[in-house]
């Protein structure tokens, strides 16, 4: 018998997950509590999804569900409850689109996870920075999870008067970008710029070609997401950050990268001390974590550099993300990415060959690559 959305089991699970997310991870019992919550999530998924039952029967309950399974609408666990929001994900070929429905409780958990992560990794030590989003608004792109998440972060933590999206129907609105950054400099307010990785590349390529610069105020931060999934052109981490710094520096105090999927409710953030092209190590939190699995056996790989993992420092495995904030779908996902296990997280290095690369950053690239406003200043005074 399936577990209904209205059952006490679901309400209690959602309440307990919410308490775990907001309670922080400093409690010595947080690890045990997370394991207990994951066990209840698996129970829910097995009761309500035949695919999950079959997969677990074949490979064990401890293994995440492959991302390709989420093209099947049957992975939505609550047939008795109408979703309040549905996000879409696009493939590089454009041939197939996945959907991630959210119930009211599921969306509430997603909001908690997004804000908790941002508080820990994006705005720590900042007070009401100016958020400049190279992402459409949630109203412009209601099915794009990045648009939704970044707007929630800006609304919660950003300066209410100045924070904004600078993406319009025709692409990045350069006049609005310049005006917002000019006001931030006048008021000496640090800026947090967020957007898809290739959105930054498109903008910075054009700015350098035209001779434009927009220096950010001191203490500003830049966060990109999405990477270069399925693209002919890739840019190494160091090269990408030099490109952004050439246009928006020298006031940038921190760069960061996020890993997310439409099917996930949380993101994995880059460690603040992550360095090197190709070793953007993502750190676990008390509610979302990474496991790297050996491709043929699906056994977890030990962390590189540890005594157990010393022999496997250079071995790549399949990335699995365990996200306690996911209520409406299986919460442990084999993402289709290759990674190295590191202490406290994983370094994501690419996609599995022949897998369907997806990411909402692809959806917005058509906007940000489009010709922007014809006239823009060549230099913005610092």
Protein backbone atom coordinates (compact mmCIF):
# COMPACT_ATOMS: atom_id res chain seq x y z
CA UNK A 1 0.00 0.00 0.00
CA UNK A 2 1.30 3.44 -0.93
CA UNK A 3 1.96 6.10 1.66
CA UNK A 4 -0.34 9.04 1.01
CA UNK A 5 0.75 12.66 1.17
CA UNK A 6 -1.85 13.23 3.89
CA UNK A 7 -0.51 10.39 6.06
CA UNK A 8 1.07 11.26 9.38
CA UNK A 9 4.28 9.53 8.23
CA UNK A 10 4.85 12.18 5.55
CA UNK A 11 4.01 15.13 7.78
CA UNK A 12 6.34 13.88 10.52
CA UNK A 13 9.13 13.17 8.03
CA UNK A 14 8.85 16.67 6.56
CA UNK A 15 8.83 18.25 10.02
CA UNK A 16 11.86 16.25 11.14
CA UNK A 17 13.82 17.09 7.99
CA UNK A 18 12.99 20.78 8.41
CA UNK A 19 14.20 20.70 12.02
CA UNK A 20 17.41 18.98 10.92
CA UNK A 21 18.14 21.53 8.19
CA UNK A 22 17.53 24.55 10.41
CA UNK A 23 19.19 23.01 13.47
CA UNK A 24 22.67 23.04 11.96
CA UNK A 25 25.29 20.33 11.83
CA UNK A 26 27.32 21.06 14.97
CA UNK A 27 25.35 18.57 17.07
CA UNK A 28 27.44 15.37 17.49
CA UNK A 29 24.30 13.37 16.74
CA UNK A 30 23.67 15.13 13.41
CA UNK A 31 25.24 12.32 11.40
CA UNK A 32 23.13 9.65 13.05
CA UNK A 33 20.02 11.77 12.64
CA UNK A 34 20.75 12.26 8.93
CA UNK A 35 21.16 8.50 8.45
CA UNK A 36 17.83 7.87 10.19
CA UNK A 37 16.08 10.44 8.00
CA UNK A 38 17.58 8.90 4.85
CA UNK A 39 16.25 5.50 5.92
CA UNK A 40 12.74 6.95 6.23
CA UNK A 41 13.09 8.63 2.83
CA UNK A 42 14.05 5.28 1.29
CA UNK A 43 11.05 3.65 2.93
CA UNK A 44 8.77 6.27 1.39
CA UNK A 45 10.37 5.92 -2.06
CA UNK A 46 10.14 2.12 -2.00
CA UNK A 47 6.50 2.17 -0.95
CA UNK A 48 5.47 4.66 -3.63
CA UNK A 49 7.71 3.91 -6.63
CA UNK A 50 8.04 0.49 -8.28
CA UNK A 51 11.22 1.60 -10.07
CA UNK A 52 12.91 2.28 -6.75
CA UNK A 53 11.83 -1.08 -5.34
CA UNK A 54 13.22 -2.90 -8.37
CA UNK A 55 16.47 -0.94 -8.34
CA UNK A 56 17.06 -1.49 -4.64
CA UNK A 57 16.24 -5.21 -4.99
CA UNK A 58 18.94 -5.52 -7.63
CA UNK A 59 21.67 -3.25 -6.28
CA UNK A 60 20.87 -2.66 -2.63
CA UNK A 61 19.08 0.03 -0.67
CA UNK A 62 22.22 2.09 -0.16
CA UNK A 63 22.63 3.00 -3.85
CA UNK A 64 21.22 6.15 -5.43
CA UNK A 65 18.80 6.11 -8.35
CA UNK A 66 20.33 6.99 -11.78
CA UNK A 67 19.39 10.44 -13.02
CA UNK A 68 17.89 9.02 -16.22
CA UNK A 69 15.10 7.47 -14.13
CA UNK A 70 13.71 10.94 -13.47
CA UNK A 71 12.52 11.28 -17.06
CA UNK A 72 9.75 8.92 -15.93
CA UNK A 73 6.90 10.79 -14.19
CA UNK A 74 6.35 7.77 -11.93
CA UNK A 75 9.27 8.90 -9.77
CA UNK A 76 6.93 11.56 -8.32
CA UNK A 77 5.90 9.93 -5.06
CA UNK A 78 2.51 11.50 -4.36
CA UNK A 79 -0.07 10.68 -7.02
CA UNK A 80 -2.74 11.79 -4.54
CA UNK A 81 -1.36 15.35 -4.26
CA UNK A 82 -1.25 17.98 -6.99
CA UNK A 83 2.18 19.67 -7.23
CA UNK A 84 2.33 23.36 -6.39
CA UNK A 85 5.37 23.92 -8.61
CA UNK A 86 7.09 22.05 -11.43
CA UNK A 87 10.65 22.77 -12.58
CA UNK A 88 11.99 21.60 -15.94
CA UNK A 89 15.42 20.45 -17.02
CA UNK A 90 16.69 20.41 -20.59
CA UNK A 91 19.10 18.07 -22.36
CA UNK A 92 21.95 19.29 -24.50
CA UNK A 93 20.25 17.87 -27.57
CA UNK A 94 17.00 19.60 -26.67
CA UNK A 95 15.22 16.34 -27.42
CA UNK A 96 14.04 15.49 -23.96
CA UNK A 97 12.92 17.52 -20.98
CA UNK A 98 12.64 16.20 -17.45
CA UNK A 99 10.29 17.53 -14.80
CA UNK A 100 10.62 17.86 -11.04
CA UNK A 101 7.25 18.40 -9.33
CA UNK A 102 7.11 19.83 -5.80
CA UNK A 103 4.36 19.57 -3.21
CA UNK A 104 3.89 22.39 -0.72
CA UNK A 105 5.91 20.52 1.91
CA UNK A 106 8.60 19.63 -0.61
CA UNK A 107 8.93 23.24 -1.75
CA UNK A 108 9.17 24.41 1.86
CA UNK A 109 12.07 22.01 2.46
CA UNK A 110 13.74 23.21 -0.72
CA UNK A 111 13.47 26.82 0.45
CA UNK A 112 15.00 25.94 3.82
CA UNK A 113 17.91 24.11 2.17
CA UNK A 114 18.60 26.87 -0.36
CA UNK A 115 18.67 29.55 2.34
CA UNK A 116 20.67 27.49 4.84
CA UNK A 117 23.33 26.74 2.23
CA UNK A 118 23.51 30.35 1.09
CA UNK A 119 23.90 31.56 4.66
CA UNK A 120 26.79 29.14 5.24
CA UNK A 121 28.62 29.51 1.94
CA UNK A 122 27.50 32.61 0.02
CA UNK A 123 26.71 35.50 2.37
CA UNK A 124 28.61 34.47 5.51
CA UNK A 125 30.01 37.59 7.14
CA UNK A 126 28.01 39.92 4.86
CA UNK A 127 25.13 42.24 5.73
CA UNK A 128 22.54 42.85 2.99
CA UNK A 129 24.87 42.77 -0.03
CA UNK A 130 23.61 43.85 -3.44
CA UNK A 131 22.65 40.72 -5.38
CA UNK A 132 23.15 41.01 -9.13
CA UNK A 133 21.69 37.98 -10.87
CA UNK A 134 22.69 36.92 -14.39
CA UNK A 135 19.58 34.79 -14.21
CA UNK A 136 15.98 35.60 -15.18
CA UNK A 137 13.47 36.31 -12.46
CA UNK A 138 11.26 33.47 -11.26
CA UNK A 139 8.36 35.25 -12.95
CA UNK A 140 10.19 35.35 -16.29
CA UNK A 141 11.29 31.71 -16.04
CA UNK A 142 8.85 29.91 -13.71
CA UNK A 143 10.15 26.43 -14.58
CA UNK A 144 13.86 27.23 -14.11
CA UNK A 145 15.06 26.08 -10.71
CA UNK A 146 18.12 28.37 -10.74
CA UNK A 147 15.92 31.42 -11.32
CA UNK A 148 13.73 30.41 -8.39
CA UNK A 149 16.58 29.61 -6.01
CA UNK A 150 18.69 32.69 -6.69
CA UNK A 151 15.67 34.95 -6.32
CA UNK A 152 14.82 33.38 -2.96
CA UNK A 153 18.40 33.99 -1.77
CA UNK A 154 18.39 37.60 -2.96
CA UNK A 155 15.02 38.29 -1.34
CA UNK A 156 16.14 36.83 1.98
CA UNK A 157 19.69 38.15 2.26
CA UNK A 158 20.10 40.94 -0.30
CA UNK A 159 19.64 44.69 -0.22
CA UNK A 160 15.95 45.10 -1.06
CA UNK A 161 16.35 48.36 -2.97
CA UNK A 162 19.29 47.48 -5.21
CA UNK A 163 19.29 43.70 -5.68
CA UNK A 164 17.94 42.64 -9.05
CA UNK A 165 18.10 40.36 -12.07
CA UNK A 166 19.78 41.99 -15.06
CA UNK A 167 18.38 39.52 -17.61
CA UNK A 168 15.52 40.74 -19.77
CA UNK A 169 13.70 39.37 -22.82
CA UNK A 170 16.59 40.34 -25.09
CA UNK A 171 19.43 39.12 -22.92
CA UNK A 172 21.59 40.81 -20.30
CA UNK A 173 20.51 44.44 -19.91
CA UNK A 174 23.82 46.25 -19.82
CA UNK A 175 22.38 49.62 -18.81
CA UNK A 176 20.68 48.07 -15.77
CA UNK A 177 23.86 46.19 -14.87
CA UNK A 178 25.91 49.40 -15.06
CA UNK A 179 23.34 51.42 -13.10
CA UNK A 180 23.10 48.84 -10.31
CA UNK A 181 26.86 48.49 -9.92
CA UNK A 182 27.32 52.27 -9.99
CA UNK A 183 24.83 52.67 -7.12
CA UNK A 184 26.50 49.86 -5.18
CA UNK A 185 29.88 51.59 -5.53
CA UNK A 186 28.47 54.95 -4.46
CA UNK A 187 27.02 53.38 -1.32
CA UNK A 188 30.10 51.17 -0.84
CA UNK A 189 27.92 48.08 -0.73
CA UNK A 190 29.59 44.76 -1.61
CA UNK A 191 27.98 42.90 -4.50
CA UNK A 192 27.22 39.20 -4.84
CA UNK A 193 27.04 38.31 -8.54
CA UNK A 194 25.43 34.96 -9.34
CA UNK A 195 24.67 33.22 -12.60
CA UNK A 196 25.30 30.34 -14.93
CA UNK A 197 28.95 29.73 -15.72
CA UNK A 198 28.50 30.32 -19.41
CA UNK A 199 26.38 33.41 -18.77
CA UNK A 200 29.48 34.94 -17.18
CA UNK A 201 31.62 33.80 -20.11
CA UNK A 202 29.22 35.31 -22.67
CA UNK A 203 29.08 38.61 -20.80
CA UNK A 204 32.82 38.87 -20.14
CA UNK A 205 33.75 37.90 -23.71
CA UNK A 206 31.62 40.70 -25.06
CA UNK A 207 32.80 43.21 -22.46
CA UNK A 208 36.46 42.56 -23.25
CA UNK A 209 35.82 42.70 -26.99
CA UNK A 210 34.13 46.09 -26.57
CA UNK A 211 36.58 47.39 -23.97
CA UNK A 212 34.01 47.63 -21.17
CA UNK A 213 34.75 47.19 -17.45
CA UNK A 214 32.49 47.25 -14.42
CA UNK A 215 34.65 47.07 -11.26
CA UNK A 216 32.78 45.63 -8.29
CA UNK A 217 33.00 47.28 -4.87
CA UNK A 218 35.58 45.93 -2.44
CA UNK A 219 34.51 42.78 -0.64
CA UNK A 220 32.33 41.52 -3.47
CA UNK A 221 31.81 37.86 -4.37
CA UNK A 222 31.10 35.94 -7.58
CA UNK A 223 29.31 32.58 -7.73
CA UNK A 224 28.77 30.55 -10.88
CA UNK A 225 26.79 27.37 -11.44
CA UNK A 226 26.25 24.88 -14.23
CA UNK A 227 29.75 24.56 -15.63
CA UNK A 228 30.18 23.64 -19.28
CA UNK A 229 27.91 20.60 -19.60
CA UNK A 230 27.63 19.44 -23.18
CA UNK A 231 29.46 22.42 -24.70
CA UNK A 232 32.15 22.39 -27.34
CA UNK A 233 34.01 25.13 -25.47
CA UNK A 234 35.23 24.67 -21.92
CA UNK A 235 37.15 27.11 -19.75
CA UNK A 236 39.44 25.97 -16.93
CA UNK A 237 38.65 27.26 -13.46
CA UNK A 238 41.66 29.57 -13.24
CA UNK A 239 41.04 30.92 -16.75
CA UNK A 240 37.36 31.52 -15.98
CA UNK A 241 38.18 33.48 -12.84
CA UNK A 242 40.83 35.55 -14.61
CA UNK A 243 38.25 36.36 -17.28
CA UNK A 244 35.69 37.51 -14.71
CA UNK A 245 38.32 39.44 -12.74
CA UNK A 246 39.42 41.26 -15.90
CA UNK A 247 35.92 42.71 -16.24
CA UNK A 248 34.71 42.98 -12.64
CA UNK A 249 37.92 43.08 -10.57
CA UNK A 250 39.86 43.94 -8.53
CA UNK A 251 37.28 44.14 -5.72
CA UNK A 252 36.32 40.45 -5.78
CA UNK A 253 37.24 38.83 -2.47
CA UNK A 254 35.83 35.38 -3.20
CA UNK A 255 34.86 33.15 -6.10
CA UNK A 256 32.59 30.16 -5.61
CA UNK A 257 30.95 27.45 -7.66
CA UNK A 258 27.71 25.58 -7.03
CA UNK A 259 26.63 22.15 -8.21
CA UNK A 260 22.92 21.57 -8.49
CA UNK A 261 20.32 19.64 -10.44
CA UNK A 262 16.67 20.30 -11.09
CA UNK A 263 15.87 16.98 -9.40
CA UNK A 264 17.72 18.05 -6.24
CA UNK A 265 16.47 20.58 -3.70
CA UNK A 266 19.93 21.49 -2.35
CA UNK A 267 23.22 22.53 -3.90
CA UNK A 268 26.78 21.45 -3.20
CA UNK A 269 29.02 24.48 -2.70
CA UNK A 270 32.70 24.69 -3.47
CA UNK A 271 35.02 24.67 -0.47
CA UNK A 272 36.25 28.17 0.29
CA UNK A 273 39.87 27.01 -0.06
CA UNK A 274 39.31 25.02 -3.29
CA UNK A 275 41.97 25.74 -5.88
CA UNK A 276 43.17 24.43 -9.18
CA UNK A 277 41.58 23.79 -12.54
CA UNK A 278 39.53 20.62 -12.33
CA UNK A 279 39.63 20.24 -8.52
CA UNK A 280 36.68 22.35 -7.46
CA UNK A 281 36.00 20.28 -4.37
CA UNK A 282 32.40 20.49 -3.15
CA UNK A 283 31.82 20.20 0.58
CA UNK A 284 29.17 18.16 2.38
CA UNK A 285 26.74 19.70 4.82
CA UNK A 286 24.52 18.10 7.43
CA UNK A 287 21.65 17.83 4.93
CA UNK A 288 23.29 17.26 1.53
CA UNK A 289 26.37 15.14 0.85
CA UNK A 290 28.28 13.40 -1.91
CA UNK A 291 29.32 9.78 -2.33
CA UNK A 292 31.69 8.69 -5.10
CA UNK A 293 31.07 5.14 -6.33
CA UNK A 294 33.33 2.74 -8.20
CA UNK A 295 31.77 2.52 -11.70
CA UNK A 296 31.65 -1.27 -12.07
CA UNK A 297 30.72 -2.35 -8.53
CA UNK A 298 29.05 0.85 -7.24
CA UNK A 299 30.99 0.44 -4.00
CA UNK A 300 31.84 3.76 -2.32
CA UNK A 301 35.38 4.98 -3.02
CA UNK A 302 37.41 6.22 -0.03
CA UNK A 303 38.57 9.81 0.01
CA UNK A 304 41.75 10.64 -1.85
CA UNK A 305 44.66 11.18 0.51
CA UNK A 306 43.17 9.18 3.34
CA UNK A 307 44.94 6.05 4.49
CA UNK A 308 42.24 3.88 2.94
CA UNK A 309 42.05 6.03 -0.16
CA UNK A 310 45.76 6.43 -0.83
CA UNK A 311 45.72 3.81 -3.57
CA UNK A 312 42.74 5.41 -5.30
CA UNK A 313 43.81 9.07 -5.34
CA UNK A 314 43.50 9.30 -9.12
CA UNK A 315 40.47 7.05 -9.55
CA UNK A 316 37.32 8.58 -10.89
CA UNK A 317 33.94 7.34 -9.81
CA UNK A 318 30.25 8.05 -10.26
CA UNK A 319 28.88 10.93 -8.23
CA UNK A 320 25.91 10.25 -5.98
CA UNK A 321 24.21 13.10 -4.13
CA UNK A 322 22.17 12.44 -1.00
CA UNK A 323 19.78 15.32 -0.41
CA UNK A 324 17.62 15.25 2.70
CA UNK A 325 15.64 18.25 1.43
CA UNK A 326 14.03 16.14 -1.31
CA UNK A 327 10.62 14.87 -0.22
CA UNK A 328 8.68 14.33 -3.45
CA UNK A 329 11.14 12.07 -5.33
CA UNK A 330 13.87 9.60 -4.46
CA UNK A 331 16.43 11.66 -2.57
CA UNK A 332 19.63 9.79 -3.45
CA UNK A 333 20.67 10.31 -7.08
CA UNK A 334 23.48 9.01 -9.27
CA UNK A 335 23.93 12.23 -11.20
CA UNK A 336 25.77 11.12 -14.33
CA UNK A 337 28.89 13.04 -13.27
CA UNK A 338 32.43 11.81 -12.69
CA UNK A 339 34.14 12.78 -9.45
CA UNK A 340 37.01 12.06 -7.07
CA UNK A 341 36.24 11.42 -3.44
CA UNK A 342 37.90 13.93 -1.11
CA UNK A 343 37.67 14.35 2.64
CA UNK A 344 34.28 15.85 3.43
CA UNK A 345 33.01 15.99 -0.14
CA UNK A 346 33.85 15.38 -3.79
CA UNK A 347 35.69 17.05 -6.66
CA UNK A 348 33.53 16.91 -9.79
CA UNK A 349 35.58 16.61 -12.96
CA UNK A 350 33.19 15.89 -15.83
CA UNK A 351 30.25 13.97 -17.22
CA UNK A 352 29.94 10.24 -17.83
CA UNK A 353 30.46 9.42 -21.50
CA UNK A 354 27.23 9.12 -23.50
CA UNK A 355 25.09 10.30 -20.60
CA UNK A 356 22.53 12.99 -21.19
CA UNK A 357 24.07 16.22 -19.96
CA UNK A 358 21.49 18.52 -18.49
CA UNK A 359 21.39 21.72 -16.54
CA UNK A 360 19.24 24.77 -16.27
CA UNK A 361 22.26 26.92 -17.17
CA UNK A 362 21.73 25.66 -20.73
CA UNK A 363 18.19 27.01 -20.74
CA UNK A 364 19.34 30.55 -19.98
CA UNK A 365 22.31 30.57 -22.36
CA UNK A 366 20.11 31.51 -25.30
CA UNK A 367 19.12 34.63 -23.37
CA UNK A 368 22.57 35.70 -22.25
CA UNK A 369 24.23 34.94 -25.59
CA UNK A 370 21.69 37.08 -27.44
CA UNK A 371 22.76 40.57 -28.54
CA UNK A 372 22.26 42.93 -25.64
CA UNK A 373 21.49 46.64 -25.78
CA UNK A 374 23.26 48.42 -28.60
CA UNK A 375 24.80 51.20 -26.56
CA UNK A 376 26.85 50.78 -23.42
CA UNK A 377 29.71 52.70 -21.83
CA UNK A 378 33.23 51.48 -22.44
CA UNK A 379 34.37 52.13 -18.89
CA UNK A 380 32.72 52.50 -15.53
CA UNK A 381 34.73 54.61 -13.14
CA UNK A 382 35.81 52.85 -9.97
